PDB file of all heavy atoms in Angstrom:
ATOM      1  N   GLY A   1       0.820  -1.211   0.000  1.00  0.00           N
ATOM      2  CA  GLY A   1       0.000   0.000   0.000  1.00  0.00           C
ATOM      3  C   GLY A   1       0.851   1.257   0.000  1.00  0.00           C
ATOM      4  O   GLY A   1       0.565   2.210  -0.741  1.00  0.00           O
ATOM      5  N   CYS A   2       1.892   1.269   0.828  1.00  0.00           N
ATOM      6  CA  CYS A   2       2.804   2.424   0.838  1.00  0.00           C
ATOM      7  C   CYS A   2       3.473   2.599  -0.520  1.00  0.00           C
ATOM      8  O   CYS A   2       3.623   3.728  -1.013  1.00  0.00           O
ATOM      9  CB  CYS A   2       3.864   2.245   1.927  1.00  0.00           C
ATOM     10  SG  CYS A   2       3.219   2.315   3.610  1.00  0.00           S
ATOM     11  N   PHE A   3       3.853   1.476  -1.120  1.00  0.00           N
ATOM     12  CA  PHE A   3       4.488   1.517  -2.444  1.00  0.00           C
ATOM     13  C   PHE A   3       3.537   2.102  -3.496  1.00  0.00           C
ATOM     14  O   PHE A   3       3.918   2.984  -4.279  1.00  0.00           O
ATOM     15  CB  PHE A   3       4.914   0.108  -2.842  1.00  0.00           C
ATOM     16  CG  PHE A   3       5.306  -0.029  -4.288  1.00  0.00           C
ATOM     17  CD1 PHE A   3       6.550   0.406  -4.733  1.00  0.00           C
ATOM     18  CD2 PHE A   3       4.440  -0.596  -5.209  1.00  0.00           C
ATOM     19  CE1 PHE A   3       6.908   0.284  -6.072  1.00  0.00           C
ATOM     20  CE2 PHE A   3       4.784  -0.720  -6.538  1.00  0.00           C
ATOM     21  CZ  PHE A   3       6.024  -0.279  -6.975  1.00  0.00           C
ATOM     22  N   CYS A   4       2.307   1.626  -3.516  1.00  0.00           N
ATOM     23  CA  CYS A   4       1.337   2.097  -4.516  1.00  0.00           C
ATOM     24  C   CYS A   4       1.019   3.578  -4.325  1.00  0.00           C
ATOM     25  O   CYS A   4       0.932   4.339  -5.314  1.00  0.00           O
ATOM     26  CB  CYS A   4       0.056   1.272  -4.440  1.00  0.00           C
ATOM     27  SG  CYS A   4       0.253  -0.448  -4.943  1.00  0.00           S
ATOM     28  N   LEU A   5       0.855   3.993  -3.072  1.00  0.00           N
ATOM     29  CA  LEU A   5       0.553   5.398  -2.809  1.00  0.00           C
ATOM     30  C   LEU A   5       1.720   6.297  -3.194  1.00  0.00           C
ATOM     31  O   LEU A   5       1.522   7.396  -3.738  1.00  0.00           O
ATOM     32  CB  LEU A   5       0.195   5.583  -1.335  1.00  0.00           C
ATOM     33  CG  LEU A   5      -1.140   4.973  -0.896  1.00  0.00           C
ATOM     34  CD1 LEU A   5      -1.298   5.056   0.616  1.00  0.00           C
ATOM     35  CD2 LEU A   5      -2.298   5.674  -1.596  1.00  0.00           C
ATOM     36  N   LEU A   6       2.950   5.843  -2.931  1.00  0.00           N
ATOM     37  CA  LEU A   6       4.119   6.628  -3.334  1.00  0.00           C
ATOM     38  C   LEU A   6       4.233   6.693  -4.857  1.00  0.00           C
ATOM     39  O   LEU A   6       4.577   7.736  -5.416  1.00  0.00           O
ATOM     40  CB  LEU A   6       5.389   6.024  -2.734  1.00  0.00           C
ATOM     41  CG  LEU A   6       5.620   6.287  -1.241  1.00  0.00           C
ATOM     42  CD1 LEU A   6       6.881   5.582  -0.770  1.00  0.00           C
ATOM     43  CD2 LEU A   6       5.720   7.781  -0.964  1.00  0.00           C
ATOM     44  N   CYS A   7       3.947   5.573  -5.514  1.00  0.00           N
ATOM     45  CA  CYS A   7       3.975   5.572  -6.986  1.00  0.00           C
ATOM     46  C   CYS A   7       2.928   6.532  -7.544  1.00  0.00           C
ATOM     47  O   CYS A   7       3.176   7.233  -8.531  1.00  0.00           O
ATOM     48  CB  CYS A   7       3.726   4.155  -7.510  1.00  0.00           C
ATOM     49  SG  CYS A   7       5.108   3.026  -7.295  1.00  0.00           S
ATOM     50  N   TRP A   8       1.773   6.586  -6.903  1.00  0.00           N
ATOM     51  CA  TRP A   8       0.716   7.489  -7.351  1.00  0.00           C
ATOM     52  C   TRP A   8       1.148   8.950  -7.191  1.00  0.00           C
ATOM     53  O   TRP A   8       0.899   9.783  -8.064  1.00  0.00           O
ATOM     54  CB  TRP A   8      -0.551   7.221  -6.557  1.00  0.00           C
ATOM     55  CG  TRP A   8      -1.707   8.112  -6.937  1.00  0.00           C
ATOM     56  CD1 TRP A   8      -2.128   9.235  -6.291  1.00  0.00           C
ATOM     57  CD2 TRP A   8      -2.569   7.950  -8.062  1.00  0.00           C
ATOM     58  NE1 TRP A   8      -3.203   9.790  -6.930  1.00  0.00           N
ATOM     59  CE2 TRP A   8      -3.500   9.021  -8.030  1.00  0.00           C
ATOM     60  CE3 TRP A   8      -2.651   7.018  -9.085  1.00  0.00           C
ATOM     61  CZ2 TRP A   8      -4.500   9.169  -8.986  1.00  0.00           C
ATOM     62  CZ3 TRP A   8      -3.652   7.169 -10.047  1.00  0.00           C
ATOM     63  CH2 TRP A   8      -4.549   8.232  -9.992  1.00  0.00           C
ATOM     64  N   ASP A   9       1.816   9.247  -6.076  1.00  0.00           N
ATOM     65  CA  ASP A   9       2.294  10.611  -5.849  1.00  0.00           C
ATOM     66  C   ASP A   9       3.475  10.956  -6.756  1.00  0.00           C
ATOM     67  O   ASP A   9       3.703  12.127  -7.072  1.00  0.00           O
ATOM     68  CB  ASP A   9       2.716  10.785  -4.382  1.00  0.00           C
ATOM     69  CG  ASP A   9       1.517  10.815  -3.444  1.00  0.00           C
ATOM     70  OD1 ASP A   9       0.398  11.058  -3.932  1.00  0.00           O
ATOM     71  OD2 ASP A   9       1.708  10.566  -2.232  1.00  0.00           O
ATOM     72  N   MET A  10       4.226   9.930  -7.164  1.00  0.00           N
ATOM     73  CA  MET A  10       5.429  10.171  -7.970  1.00  0.00           C
ATOM     74  C   MET A  10       5.129  10.222  -9.470  1.00  0.00           C
ATOM     75  O   MET A  10       6.023  10.551 -10.254  1.00  0.00           O
ATOM     76  CB  MET A  10       6.466   9.066  -7.717  1.00  0.00           C
ATOM     77  CG  MET A  10       7.113   9.101  -6.353  1.00  0.00           C
ATOM     78  SD  MET A  10       8.133   7.637  -6.046  1.00  0.00           S
ATOM     79  CE  MET A  10       9.263   7.711  -7.440  1.00  0.00           C
ATOM     80  N   ARG A  11       3.897   9.865  -9.867  1.00  0.00           N
ATOM     81  CA  ARG A  11       3.627   9.729 -11.299  1.00  0.00           C
ATOM     82  C   ARG A  11       3.871  11.030 -12.058  1.00  0.00           C
ATOM     83  O   ARG A  11       4.139  11.031 -13.249  1.00  0.00           O
ATOM     84  CB  ARG A  11       2.187   9.262 -11.508  1.00  0.00           C
ATOM     85  CG  ARG A  11       1.125  10.304 -11.198  1.00  0.00           C
ATOM     86  CD  ARG A  11      -0.277   9.696 -11.170  1.00  0.00           C
ATOM     87  NE  ARG A  11      -1.301  10.721 -11.071  1.00  0.00           N
ATOM     88  CZ  ARG A  11      -1.629  11.344  -9.953  1.00  0.00           C
ATOM     89  NH1 ARG A  11      -0.989  11.055  -8.830  1.00  0.00           N
ATOM     90  NH2 ARG A  11      -2.589  12.260  -9.958  1.00  0.00           N
ATOM     91  N   ALA A  12       3.772  12.141 -11.349  1.00  0.00           N
ATOM     92  CA  ALA A  12       4.059  13.432 -11.967  1.00  0.00           C
ATOM     93  C   ALA A  12       4.557  14.368 -10.883  1.00  0.00           C
ATOM     94  O   ALA A  12       3.915  14.538  -9.862  1.00  0.00           O
ATOM     95  CB  ALA A  12       2.803  14.016 -12.629  1.00  0.00           C
ATOM     96  N   GLY A  13       5.699  14.920 -11.106  1.00  0.00           N
ATOM     97  CA  GLY A  13       6.252  15.826 -10.110  1.00  0.00           C
ATOM     98  C   GLY A  13       7.730  15.587  -9.879  1.00  0.00           C
ATOM     99  O   GLY A  13       8.354  14.743 -10.533  1.00  0.00           O
ATOM    100  N   PRO A  14       8.311  16.309  -8.935  1.00  0.00           N
ATOM    101  CA  PRO A  14       9.748  16.225  -8.699  1.00  0.00           C
ATOM    102  C   PRO A  14      10.202  14.872  -8.170  1.00  0.00           C
ATOM    103  O   PRO A  14      11.381  14.530  -8.265  1.00  0.00           O
ATOM    104  CB  PRO A  14      10.003  17.324  -7.654  1.00  0.00           C
ATOM    105  CG  PRO A  14       8.676  17.519  -6.971  1.00  0.00           C
ATOM    106  CD  PRO A  14       7.658  17.276  -8.039  1.00  0.00           C
ATOM    107  N   LEU A  15       9.279  14.093  -7.569  1.00  0.00           N
ATOM    108  CA  LEU A  15       9.663  12.790  -7.034  1.00  0.00           C
ATOM    109  C   LEU A  15       9.773  11.723  -8.113  1.00  0.00           C
ATOM    110  O   LEU A  15      10.303  10.645  -7.857  1.00  0.00           O
ATOM    111  CB  LEU A  15       8.648  12.344  -5.976  1.00  0.00           C
ATOM    112  CG  LEU A  15       8.567  13.204  -4.705  1.00  0.00           C
ATOM    113  CD1 LEU A  15       7.454  12.681  -3.811  1.00  0.00           C
ATOM    114  CD2 LEU A  15       9.895  13.201  -3.976  1.00  0.00           C
ATOM    115  N   CYS A  16       9.237  12.024  -9.302  1.00  0.00           N
ATOM    116  CA  CYS A  16       9.244  11.036 -10.382  1.00  0.00           C
ATOM    117  C   CYS A  16      10.606  11.044 -11.068  1.00  0.00           C
ATOM    118  O   CYS A  16      10.806  11.661 -12.114  1.00  0.00           O
ATOM    119  CB  CYS A  16       8.132  11.345 -11.388  1.00  0.00           C
ATOM    120  SG  CYS A  16       7.936  10.071 -12.648  1.00  0.00           S
ATOM    121  N   THR A  17      11.566  10.380 -10.466  1.00  0.00           N
ATOM    122  CA  THR A  17      12.922  10.282 -11.002  1.00  0.00           C
ATOM    123  C   THR A  17      13.278   8.823 -11.211  1.00  0.00           C
ATOM    124  O   THR A  17      12.662   7.915 -10.625  1.00  0.00           O
ATOM    125  CB  THR A  17      13.939  10.916 -10.034  1.00  0.00           C
ATOM    126  OG1 THR A  17      13.919  10.185  -8.804  1.00  0.00           O
ATOM    127  CG2 THR A  17      13.590  12.379  -9.760  1.00  0.00           C
ATOM    128  N   LYS A  18      14.274   8.607 -12.030  1.00  0.00           N
ATOM    129  CA  LYS A  18      14.718   7.246 -12.291  1.00  0.00           C
ATOM    130  C   LYS A  18      15.230   6.597 -11.014  1.00  0.00           C
ATOM    131  O   LYS A  18      14.974   5.419 -10.741  1.00  0.00           O
ATOM    132  CB  LYS A  18      15.821   7.266 -13.351  1.00  0.00           C
ATOM    133  CG  LYS A  18      16.314   5.876 -13.728  1.00  0.00           C
ATOM    134  CD  LYS A  18      17.380   5.954 -14.811  1.00  0.00           C
ATOM    135  CE  LYS A  18      17.872   4.552 -15.157  1.00  0.00           C
ATOM    136  NZ  LYS A  18      18.931   4.587 -16.214  1.00  0.00           N
ATOM    137  N   ARG A  19      15.957   7.379 -10.205  1.00  0.00           N
ATOM    138  CA  ARG A  19      16.492   6.856  -8.953  1.00  0.00           C
ATOM    139  C   ARG A  19      15.368   6.411  -8.011  1.00  0.00           C
ATOM    140  O   ARG A  19      15.431   5.337  -7.406  1.00  0.00           O
ATOM    141  CB  ARG A  19      17.344   7.925  -8.277  1.00  0.00           C
ATOM    142  CG  ARG A  19      17.966   7.482  -6.954  1.00  0.00           C
ATOM    143  CD  ARG A  19      18.691   8.627  -6.278  1.00  0.00           C
ATOM    144  NE  ARG A  19      19.278   8.199  -5.023  1.00  0.00           N
ATOM    145  CZ  ARG A  19      20.447   7.599  -4.898  1.00  0.00           C
ATOM    146  NH1 ARG A  19      21.176   7.348  -5.987  1.00  0.00           N
ATOM    147  NH2 ARG A  19      20.908   7.234  -3.722  1.00  0.00           N
ATOM    148  N   GLY A  20      14.320   7.250  -7.895  1.00  0.00           N
ATOM    149  CA  GLY A  20      13.206   6.903  -7.021  1.00  0.00           C
ATOM    150  C   GLY A  20      12.467   5.669  -7.491  1.00  0.00           C
ATOM    151  O   GLY A  20      12.096   4.806  -6.684  1.00  0.00           O
ATOM    152  N   CYS A  21      12.271   5.554  -8.800  1.00  0.00           N
ATOM    153  CA  CYS A  21      11.575   4.381  -9.354  1.00  0.00           C
ATOM    154  C   CYS A  21      12.375   3.110  -9.131  1.00  0.00           C
ATOM    155  O   CYS A  21      11.816   2.057  -8.797  1.00  0.00           O
ATOM    156  CB  CYS A  21      11.307   4.594 -10.850  1.00  0.00           C
ATOM    157  SG  CYS A  21      10.114   5.907 -11.205  1.00  0.00           S
ATOM    158  N   VAL A  22      13.692   3.190  -9.339  1.00  0.00           N
ATOM    159  CA  VAL A  22      14.547   2.020  -9.126  1.00  0.00           C
ATOM    160  C   VAL A  22      14.517   1.588  -7.669  1.00  0.00           C
ATOM    161  O   VAL A  22      14.423   0.393  -7.353  1.00  0.00           O
ATOM    162  CB  VAL A  22      15.992   2.319  -9.577  1.00  0.00           C
ATOM    163  CG1 VAL A  22      16.936   1.194  -9.148  1.00  0.00           C
ATOM    164  CG2 VAL A  22      16.053   2.496 -11.088  1.00  0.00           C
ATOM    165  N   THR A  23      14.569   2.561  -6.761  1.00  0.00           N
ATOM    166  CA  THR A  23      14.552   2.242  -5.335  1.00  0.00           C
ATOM    167  C   THR A  23      13.249   1.557  -4.941  1.00  0.00           C
ATOM    168  O   THR A  23      13.252   0.544  -4.223  1.00  0.00           O
ATOM    169  CB  THR A  23      14.745   3.517  -4.491  1.00  0.00           C
ATOM    170  OG1 THR A  23      16.001   4.112  -4.823  1.00  0.00           O
ATOM    171  CG2 THR A  23      14.727   3.186  -3.014  1.00  0.00           C
ATOM    172  N   LEU A  24      12.116   2.089  -5.396  1.00  0.00           N
ATOM    173  CA  LEU A  24      10.827   1.492  -5.070  1.00  0.00           C
ATOM    174  C   LEU A  24      10.694   0.092  -5.667  1.00  0.00           C
ATOM    175  O   LEU A  24      10.160  -0.822  -5.039  1.00  0.00           O
ATOM    176  CB  LEU A  24       9.693   2.380  -5.551  1.00  0.00           C
ATOM    177  CG  LEU A  24       9.454   3.665  -4.761  1.00  0.00           C
ATOM    178  CD1 LEU A  24       8.374   4.505  -5.422  1.00  0.00           C
ATOM    179  CD2 LEU A  24       9.071   3.345  -3.320  1.00  0.00           C
ATOM    180  N   THR A  25      11.197  -0.094  -6.887  1.00  0.00           N
ATOM    181  CA  THR A  25      11.149  -1.410  -7.526  1.00  0.00           C
ATOM    182  C   THR A  25      11.973  -2.428  -6.747  1.00  0.00           C
ATOM    183  O   THR A  25      11.555  -3.571  -6.536  1.00  0.00           O
ATOM    184  CB  THR A  25      11.658  -1.325  -8.974  1.00  0.00           C
ATOM    185  OG1 THR A  25      10.886  -0.369  -9.702  1.00  0.00           O
ATOM    186  CG2 THR A  25      11.560  -2.676  -9.669  1.00  0.00           C
ATOM    187  N   LEU A  26      13.159  -2.010  -6.293  1.00  0.00           N
ATOM    188  CA  LEU A  26      13.998  -2.902  -5.491  1.00  0.00           C
ATOM    189  C   LEU A  26      13.335  -3.244  -4.163  1.00  0.00           C
ATOM    190  O   LEU A  26      13.455  -4.370  -3.670  1.00  0.00           O
ATOM    191  CB  LEU A  26      15.362  -2.248  -5.244  1.00  0.00           C
ATOM    192  CG  LEU A  26      16.316  -2.190  -6.440  1.00  0.00           C
ATOM    193  CD1 LEU A  26      17.566  -1.390  -6.087  1.00  0.00           C
ATOM    194  CD2 LEU A  26      16.708  -3.602  -6.886  1.00  0.00           C
ATOM    195  N   GLN A  27      12.623  -2.279  -3.585  1.00  0.00           N
ATOM    196  CA  GLN A  27      11.918  -2.544  -2.331  1.00  0.00           C
ATOM    197  C   GLN A  27      10.843  -3.611  -2.525  1.00  0.00           C
ATOM    198  O   GLN A  27      10.690  -4.512  -1.692  1.00  0.00           O
ATOM    199  CB  GLN A  27      11.292  -1.257  -1.802  1.00  0.00           C
ATOM    200  CG  GLN A  27      12.306  -0.269  -1.230  1.00  0.00           C
ATOM    201  CD  GLN A  27      11.640   1.005  -0.736  1.00  0.00           C
ATOM    202  OE1 GLN A  27      10.450   1.181  -0.891  1.00  0.00           O
ATOM    203  NE2 GLN A  27      12.429   1.889  -0.152  1.00  0.00           N
ATOM    204  N   VAL A  28      10.096  -3.508  -3.619  1.00  0.00           N
ATOM    205  CA  VAL A  28       9.060  -4.504  -3.900  1.00  0.00           C
ATOM    206  C   VAL A  28       9.691  -5.881  -4.120  1.00  0.00           C
ATOM    207  O   VAL A  28       9.212  -6.897  -3.592  1.00  0.00           O
ATOM    208  CB  VAL A  28       8.225  -4.094  -5.130  1.00  0.00           C
ATOM    209  CG1 VAL A  28       7.286  -5.214  -5.528  1.00  0.00           C
ATOM    210  CG2 VAL A  28       7.429  -2.840  -4.825  1.00  0.00           C
ATOM    211  N   ALA A  29      10.789  -5.928  -4.891  1.00  0.00           N
ATOM    212  CA  ALA A  29      11.473  -7.206  -5.128  1.00  0.00           C
ATOM    213  C   ALA A  29      11.963  -7.810  -3.819  1.00  0.00           C
ATOM    214  O   ALA A  29      11.846  -9.022  -3.588  1.00  0.00           O
ATOM    215  CB  ALA A  29      12.648  -6.990  -6.086  1.00  0.00           C
ATOM    216  N   GLN A  30      12.499  -6.966  -2.940  1.00  0.00           N
ATOM    217  CA  GLN A  30      13.000  -7.453  -1.651  1.00  0.00           C
ATOM    218  C   GLN A  30      11.866  -8.027  -0.809  1.00  0.00           C
ATOM    219  O   GLN A  30      12.012  -9.093  -0.182  1.00  0.00           O
ATOM    220  CB  GLN A  30      13.696  -6.307  -0.906  1.00  0.00           C
ATOM    221  CG  GLN A  30      14.368  -6.718   0.400  1.00  0.00           C
ATOM    222  CD  GLN A  30      13.452  -6.605   1.600  1.00  0.00           C
ATOM    223  OE1 GLN A  30      12.662  -5.665   1.684  1.00  0.00           O
ATOM    224  NE2 GLN A  30      13.552  -7.542   2.518  1.00  0.00           N
ATOM    225  N   VAL A  31      10.726  -7.348  -0.783  1.00  0.00           N
ATOM    226  CA  VAL A  31       9.593  -7.817   0.021  1.00  0.00           C
ATOM    227  C   VAL A  31       9.067  -9.142  -0.515  1.00  0.00           C
ATOM    228  O   VAL A  31       8.751 -10.065   0.251  1.00  0.00           O
ATOM    229  CB  VAL A  31       8.475  -6.759   0.037  1.00  0.00           C
ATOM    230  CG1 VAL A  31       7.214  -7.314   0.678  1.00  0.00           C
ATOM    231  CG2 VAL A  31       8.949  -5.520   0.779  1.00  0.00           C
ATOM    232  N   VAL A  32       8.969  -9.272  -1.845  1.00  0.00           N
ATOM    233  CA  VAL A  32       8.485 -10.520  -2.446  1.00  0.00           C
ATOM    234  C   VAL A  32       9.434 -11.673  -2.134  1.00  0.00           C
ATOM    235  O   VAL A  32       9.014 -12.757  -1.699  1.00  0.00           O
ATOM    236  CB  VAL A  32       8.312 -10.355  -3.970  1.00  0.00           C
ATOM    237  CG1 VAL A  32       8.000 -11.704  -4.619  1.00  0.00           C
ATOM    238  CG2 VAL A  32       7.206  -9.360  -4.277  1.00  0.00           C
ATOM    239  N   LEU A  33      10.737 -11.452  -2.347  1.00  0.00           N
ATOM    240  CA  LEU A  33      11.727 -12.497  -2.076  1.00  0.00           C
ATOM    241  C   LEU A  33      11.775 -12.844  -0.590  1.00  0.00           C
ATOM    242  O   LEU A  33      12.111 -13.979  -0.225  1.00  0.00           O
ATOM    243  CB  LEU A  33      13.114 -12.043  -2.543  1.00  0.00           C
ATOM    244  CG  LEU A  33      13.308 -11.894  -4.052  1.00  0.00           C
ATOM    245  CD1 LEU A  33      14.674 -11.291  -4.357  1.00  0.00           C
ATOM    246  CD2 LEU A  33      13.179 -13.247  -4.747  1.00  0.00           C
ATOM    247  N   PHE A  34      11.458 -11.896   0.250  1.00  0.00           N
ATOM    248  CA  PHE A  34      11.505 -12.096   1.691  1.00  0.00           C
ATOM    249  C   PHE A  34      10.255 -12.817   2.205  1.00  0.00           C
ATOM    250  O   PHE A  34      10.346 -13.689   3.071  1.00  0.00           O
ATOM    251  CB  PHE A  34      11.640 -10.729   2.379  1.00  0.00           C
ATOM    252  CG  PHE A  34      11.855 -10.806   3.862  1.00  0.00           C
ATOM    253  CD1 PHE A  34      13.129 -10.926   4.389  1.00  0.00           C
ATOM    254  CD2 PHE A  34      10.790 -10.757   4.738  1.00  0.00           C
ATOM    255  CE1 PHE A  34      13.335 -11.002   5.758  1.00  0.00           C
ATOM    256  CE2 PHE A  34      10.978 -10.822   6.105  1.00  0.00           C
ATOM    257  CZ  PHE A  34      12.259 -10.948   6.612  1.00  0.00           C
ATOM    258  N   SER A  35       9.083 -12.466   1.652  1.00  0.00           N
ATOM    259  CA  SER A  35       7.814 -12.969   2.183  1.00  0.00           C
ATOM    260  C   SER A  35       7.435 -14.344   1.648  1.00  0.00           C
ATOM    261  O   SER A  35       6.889 -15.170   2.397  1.00  0.00           O
ATOM    262  CB  SER A  35       6.685 -11.977   1.873  1.00  0.00           C
ATOM    263  OG  SER A  35       6.954 -10.712   2.433  1.00  0.00           O
ATOM    264  N   VAL A  36       7.708 -14.592   0.366  1.00  0.00           N
ATOM    265  CA  VAL A  36       7.288 -15.859  -0.239  1.00  0.00           C
ATOM    266  C   VAL A  36       7.847 -17.074   0.502  1.00  0.00           C
ATOM    267  O   VAL A  36       7.103 -18.017   0.815  1.00  0.00           O
ATOM    268  CB  VAL A  36       7.664 -15.893  -1.739  1.00  0.00           C
ATOM    269  CG1 VAL A  36       7.465 -17.290  -2.303  1.00  0.00           C
ATOM    270  CG2 VAL A  36       6.825 -14.891  -2.512  1.00  0.00           C
ATOM    271  N   PRO A  37       9.166 -17.111   0.830  1.00  0.00           N
ATOM    272  CA  PRO A  37       9.677 -18.277   1.568  1.00  0.00           C
ATOM    273  C   PRO A  37       9.043 -18.455   2.941  1.00  0.00           C
ATOM    274  O   PRO A  37       8.913 -19.587   3.417  1.00  0.00           O
ATOM    275  CB  PRO A  37      11.183 -17.975   1.697  1.00  0.00           C
ATOM    276  CG  PRO A  37      11.485 -17.054   0.581  1.00  0.00           C
ATOM    277  CD  PRO A  37      10.254 -16.210   0.436  1.00  0.00           C
ATOM    278  N   MET A  38       8.649 -17.354   3.594  1.00  0.00           N
ATOM    279  CA  MET A  38       7.993 -17.478   4.897  1.00  0.00           C
ATOM    280  C   MET A  38       6.666 -18.218   4.759  1.00  0.00           C
ATOM    281  O   MET A  38       6.290 -19.018   5.624  1.00  0.00           O
ATOM    282  CB  MET A  38       7.773 -16.094   5.509  1.00  0.00           C
ATOM    283  CG  MET A  38       9.051 -15.379   5.899  1.00  0.00           C
ATOM    284  SD  MET A  38       8.763 -13.811   6.756  1.00  0.00           S
ATOM    285  CE  MET A  38       8.075 -14.389   8.308  1.00  0.00           C
ATOM    286  N   VAL A  39       5.961 -17.967   3.667  1.00  0.00           N
ATOM    287  CA  VAL A  39       4.704 -18.672   3.417  1.00  0.00           C
ATOM    288  C   VAL A  39       4.978 -20.115   3.001  1.00  0.00           C
ATOM    289  O   VAL A  39       4.277 -21.049   3.423  1.00  0.00           O
ATOM    290  CB  VAL A  39       3.885 -17.943   2.335  1.00  0.00           C
ATOM    291  CG1 VAL A  39       2.619 -18.723   1.985  1.00  0.00           C
ATOM    292  CG2 VAL A  39       3.532 -16.538   2.792  1.00  0.00           C
ATOM    293  N   MET A  40       6.031 -20.323   2.177  1.00  0.00           N
ATOM    294  CA  MET A  40       6.373 -21.669   1.711  1.00  0.00           C
ATOM    295  C   MET A  40       6.732 -22.591   2.868  1.00  0.00           C
ATOM    296  O   MET A  40       6.489 -23.804   2.811  1.00  0.00           O
ATOM    297  CB  MET A  40       7.534 -21.588   0.716  1.00  0.00           C
ATOM    298  CG  MET A  40       7.186 -20.945  -0.615  1.00  0.00           C
ATOM    299  SD  MET A  40       8.638 -20.567  -1.630  1.00  0.00           S
ATOM    300  CE  MET A  40       9.304 -22.214  -1.899  1.00  0.00           C
ATOM    301  N   ASN A  41       7.323 -22.040   3.915  1.00  0.00           N
ATOM    302  CA  ASN A  41       7.729 -22.843   5.066  1.00  0.00           C
ATOM    303  C   ASN A  41       6.712 -22.821   6.193  1.00  0.00           C
ATOM    304  O   ASN A  41       7.032 -23.166   7.327  1.00  0.00           O
ATOM    305  CB  ASN A  41       9.081 -22.346   5.603  1.00  0.00           C
ATOM    306  CG  ASN A  41      10.234 -22.816   4.744  1.00  0.00           C
ATOM    307  OD1 ASN A  41      10.206 -23.907   4.190  1.00  0.00           O
ATOM    308  ND2 ASN A  41      11.247 -21.986   4.618  1.00  0.00           N
ATOM    309  N   SER A  42       5.498 -22.422   5.897  1.00  0.00           N
ATOM    310  CA  SER A  42       4.461 -22.313   6.923  1.00  0.00           C
ATOM    311  C   SER A  42       3.463 -23.456   6.795  1.00  0.00           C
ATOM    312  O   SER A  42       3.497 -24.250   5.852  1.00  0.00           O
ATOM    313  CB  SER A  42       3.727 -20.975   6.785  1.00  0.00           C
ATOM    314  OG  SER A  42       2.920 -20.981   5.615  1.00  0.00           O
ATOM    315  N   TYR A  43       2.551 -23.513   7.775  1.00  0.00           N
ATOM    316  CA  TYR A  43       1.515 -24.540   7.763  1.00  0.00           C
ATOM    317  C   TYR A  43       0.420 -24.239   6.743  1.00  0.00           C
ATOM    318  O   TYR A  43      -0.522 -25.020   6.600  1.00  0.00           O
ATOM    319  CB  TYR A  43       0.901 -24.659   9.162  1.00  0.00           C
ATOM    320  CG  TYR A  43       1.845 -25.235  10.183  1.00  0.00           C
ATOM    321  CD1 TYR A  43       2.500 -24.415  11.102  1.00  0.00           C
ATOM    322  CD2 TYR A  43       2.099 -26.604  10.231  1.00  0.00           C
ATOM    323  CE1 TYR A  43       3.370 -24.945  12.042  1.00  0.00           C
ATOM    324  CE2 TYR A  43       2.967 -27.137  11.162  1.00  0.00           C
ATOM    325  CZ  TYR A  43       3.609 -26.299  12.067  1.00  0.00           C
ATOM    326  OH  TYR A  43       4.468 -26.834  12.986  1.00  0.00           O
TER     327      TYR A  43
END
């Protein structure tokens, strides 16, 4: 939710930079790689 809201605010304006987009994309990748194994090893 935080990611989507930040992307919505960044779609136009000074925050919409390549650096910001790359950082947010890496954050999403990190969360997915981090969360999926926790579910895989759960009941």
